[in-house]
Protein backbone atom coordinates (compact mmCIF):
# COMPACT_ATOMS: atom_id res chain seq x y z
CA UNK A 1 3.32 -7.01 40.80
CA UNK A 2 1.36 -9.22 38.87
CA UNK A 3 -1.39 -6.62 38.27
CA UNK A 4 0.46 -4.13 37.09
CA UNK A 5 2.06 -6.47 34.59
CA UNK A 6 -1.24 -7.97 33.56
CA UNK A 7 -1.83 -4.33 32.62
CA UNK A 8 0.73 -3.95 30.83
CA UNK A 9 0.37 -6.83 28.57
CA UNK A 10 -3.22 -5.70 28.13
CA UNK A 11 -2.30 -2.53 25.99
CA UNK A 12 -1.77 -2.78 22.58
CA UNK A 13 1.01 -2.35 20.21
CA UNK A 14 2.76 0.98 19.67
CA UNK A 15 2.18 1.97 15.90
CA UNK A 16 6.19 1.65 14.41
CA UNK A 17 7.96 4.92 14.54
CA UNK A 18 7.76 6.74 11.80
CA UNK A 19 10.96 6.65 9.78
CA UNK A 20 12.48 8.93 6.67
CA UNK A 21 11.27 8.03 3.12
CA UNK A 22 12.91 8.21 0.11
CA UNK A 23 12.16 9.93 -3.53
CA UNK A 24 11.33 6.69 -5.15
CA UNK A 25 8.37 7.03 -2.87
CA UNK A 26 6.67 10.24 -4.04
CA UNK A 27 5.52 10.87 -7.71
CA UNK A 28 5.90 14.29 -8.39
CA UNK A 29 8.68 16.92 -7.40
CA UNK A 30 7.95 20.59 -6.56
CA UNK A 31 11.48 22.87 -5.96
CA UNK A 32 10.53 25.63 -3.17
CA UNK A 33 13.09 28.63 -1.94
CA UNK A 34 13.44 28.48 1.81
CA UNK A 35 13.03 32.07 3.29
CA UNK A 36 15.51 33.99 5.99
CA UNK A 37 12.02 34.86 7.52
CA UNK A 38 11.29 30.98 7.45
CA UNK A 39 14.02 29.85 10.40
CA UNK A 40 13.53 30.71 14.00
CA UNK A 41 15.28 31.32 16.52
CA UNK A 42 17.42 28.19 16.90
CA UNK A 43 18.87 28.56 13.49
CA UNK A 44 16.39 25.88 11.51
CA UNK A 45 12.88 26.19 9.92
CA UNK A 46 10.36 26.83 11.90
CA UNK A 47 7.36 23.35 12.56
CA UNK A 48 4.42 25.71 11.00
CA UNK A 49 6.45 26.77 8.07
CA UNK A 50 6.52 22.96 6.56
CA UNK A 51 2.96 23.06 6.83
CA UNK A 52 2.73 25.88 4.75
CA UNK A 53 4.85 23.66 1.70
CA UNK A 54 2.55 20.99 1.89
CA UNK A 55 0.01 23.62 0.58
CA UNK A 56 1.94 24.99 -1.12
CA UNK A 57 3.16 21.01 -3.20
CA UNK A 58 0.24 20.31 -4.16
CA UNK A 59 -1.34 23.24 -4.77
CA UNK A 60 0.40 23.95 -7.14
CA UNK A 61 0.96 20.86 -8.92
CA UNK A 62 -3.11 20.69 -8.50
CA UNK A 63 -3.45 24.10 -10.66
CA UNK A 64 -0.58 23.42 -12.98
CA UNK A 65 -3.02 19.95 -14.57
CA UNK A 66 -5.87 22.87 -14.53
CA UNK A 67 -7.61 21.28 -11.60
CA UNK A 68 -8.03 23.84 -9.63
CA UNK A 69 -9.37 27.25 -9.88
CA UNK A 70 -8.51 28.82 -6.41
CA UNK A 71 -10.61 32.13 -8.05
CA UNK A 72 -14.13 31.14 -9.71
CA UNK A 73 -14.04 27.18 -8.86
CA UNK A 74 -17.86 25.27 -7.91
CA UNK A 75 -15.46 23.23 -5.55
CA UNK A 76 -12.66 23.54 -2.99
CA UNK A 77 -10.93 21.88 -0.79
CA UNK A 78 -10.98 22.07 3.06
CA UNK A 79 -8.66 20.22 5.20
CA UNK A 80 -10.04 18.41 8.12
CA UNK A 81 -6.49 17.16 9.19
CA UNK A 82 -2.69 17.19 9.02
CA UNK A 83 0.77 15.80 10.64
CA UNK A 84 4.07 16.12 10.41
CA UNK A 85 7.33 13.67 10.86
CA UNK A 86 10.37 15.57 11.22
CA UNK A 87 13.18 14.11 10.32
CA UNK A 88 16.63 16.56 9.63
CA UNK A 89 16.12 19.73 9.51
CA UNK A 90 16.20 22.68 7.56
CA UNK A 91 17.21 26.00 7.02
CA UNK A 92 17.65 29.08 4.48
CA UNK A 93 19.52 29.43 2.85
CA UNK A 94 18.22 26.32 1.16
CA UNK A 95 16.11 24.80 -1.74
CA UNK A 96 13.28 22.24 -0.06
CA UNK A 97 11.95 19.70 -3.07
CA UNK A 98 8.55 18.54 -1.90
CA UNK A 99 7.61 14.84 -3.18
CA UNK A 100 4.33 14.54 -3.33
CA UNK A 101 1.55 11.16 -3.41
CA UNK A 102 -2.01 10.34 -3.00
CA UNK A 103 -1.99 7.70 -0.50
CA UNK A 104 -5.88 7.59 -0.22
CA UNK A 105 -8.09 8.92 -2.44
CA UNK A 106 -12.35 8.15 -2.16
CA UNK A 107 -15.65 9.75 -2.96
CA UNK A 108 -14.99 12.96 -1.40
CA UNK A 109 -11.88 13.70 0.03
CA UNK A 110 -7.97 12.74 -0.56
CA UNK A 111 -5.05 11.81 1.71
CA UNK A 112 -2.07 13.42 0.68
CA UNK A 113 1.46 12.59 1.14
CA UNK A 114 4.55 14.82 1.23
CA UNK A 115 7.88 14.48 1.66
CA UNK A 116 9.96 17.71 2.26
CA UNK A 117 13.21 16.68 1.11
CA UNK A 118 16.63 19.40 1.73
CA UNK A 119 17.83 19.74 -1.91
CA UNK A 120 19.49 16.56 -4.12
CA UNK A 121 19.51 14.03 -0.56
CA UNK A 122 18.09 10.65 -0.77
CA UNK A 123 15.92 10.70 1.70
CA UNK A 124 13.07 12.79 3.25
CA UNK A 125 13.86 15.47 6.46
CA UNK A 126 10.41 15.24 7.45
CA UNK A 127 7.33 13.42 6.40
CA UNK A 128 3.17 14.19 6.76
CA UNK A 129 -0.22 14.58 5.41
CA UNK A 130 -3.15 16.20 5.08
CA UNK A 131 -6.64 15.41 4.11
CA UNK A 132 -8.76 17.40 1.94
CA UNK A 133 -12.37 17.04 1.84
CA UNK A 134 -13.79 18.56 -1.20
CA UNK A 135 -16.87 20.58 -1.12
CA UNK A 136 -18.89 22.63 -2.70
CA UNK A 137 -17.80 26.79 -2.69
CA UNK A 138 -21.03 28.32 -2.15
CA UNK A 139 -22.54 25.56 0.07
CA UNK A 140 -19.74 24.55 1.63
CA UNK A 141 -21.06 20.94 1.26
CA UNK A 142 -19.17 17.23 0.15
CA UNK A 143 -19.12 16.58 -3.52
CA UNK A 144 -17.79 13.97 -4.90
CA UNK A 145 -14.27 14.34 -6.46
CA UNK A 146 -14.51 16.14 -9.98
CA UNK A 147 -13.80 13.26 -12.49
CA UNK A 148 -11.18 15.38 -14.11
CA UNK A 149 -9.34 16.21 -10.50
CA UNK A 150 -9.85 12.43 -9.82
CA UNK A 151 -7.70 11.62 -12.49
CA UNK A 152 -4.55 14.02 -12.04
CA UNK A 153 -5.03 12.15 -8.52
CA UNK A 154 -5.22 8.66 -9.44
CA UNK A 155 -2.15 9.69 -11.25
CA UNK A 156 0.12 10.78 -7.68
CA UNK A 157 -0.98 7.08 -6.37
CA UNK A 158 1.34 5.34 -4.45
CA UNK A 159 5.01 4.33 -5.63
CA UNK A 160 5.48 1.12 -5.82
């Protein structure tokens, strides 16, 4: 019994359980319409769709800001990590509002965090992140985040 107690006490503490975030935690929002095909057999949006919404929200924002040229830009972002926590179901037909923010901006990488809200709801139904490493389109080698892009990303810094 002493050995078991000692082993349990030596284990690191578990991280806090993720919790839904309020709208004020995000800097920019984008509406996304759900589609009939987004629902799975359980009557709610399938988990893989959430990841496509992350990409849609962030990349559309960057395109609108004039800092992402998906066809001819010399620098592109490659996803190296992604994760999502689910708090409440979303389903067709609903409008989802994707909140975005930048949690970390490095020399060649950025961690985007996205909260997915049912239209008008105060807390997110899901929250996740993905990390882009910016690379040269031709060589696929990391490059510094371009200055114009860096300025847009800094404006998305974590809301207070």
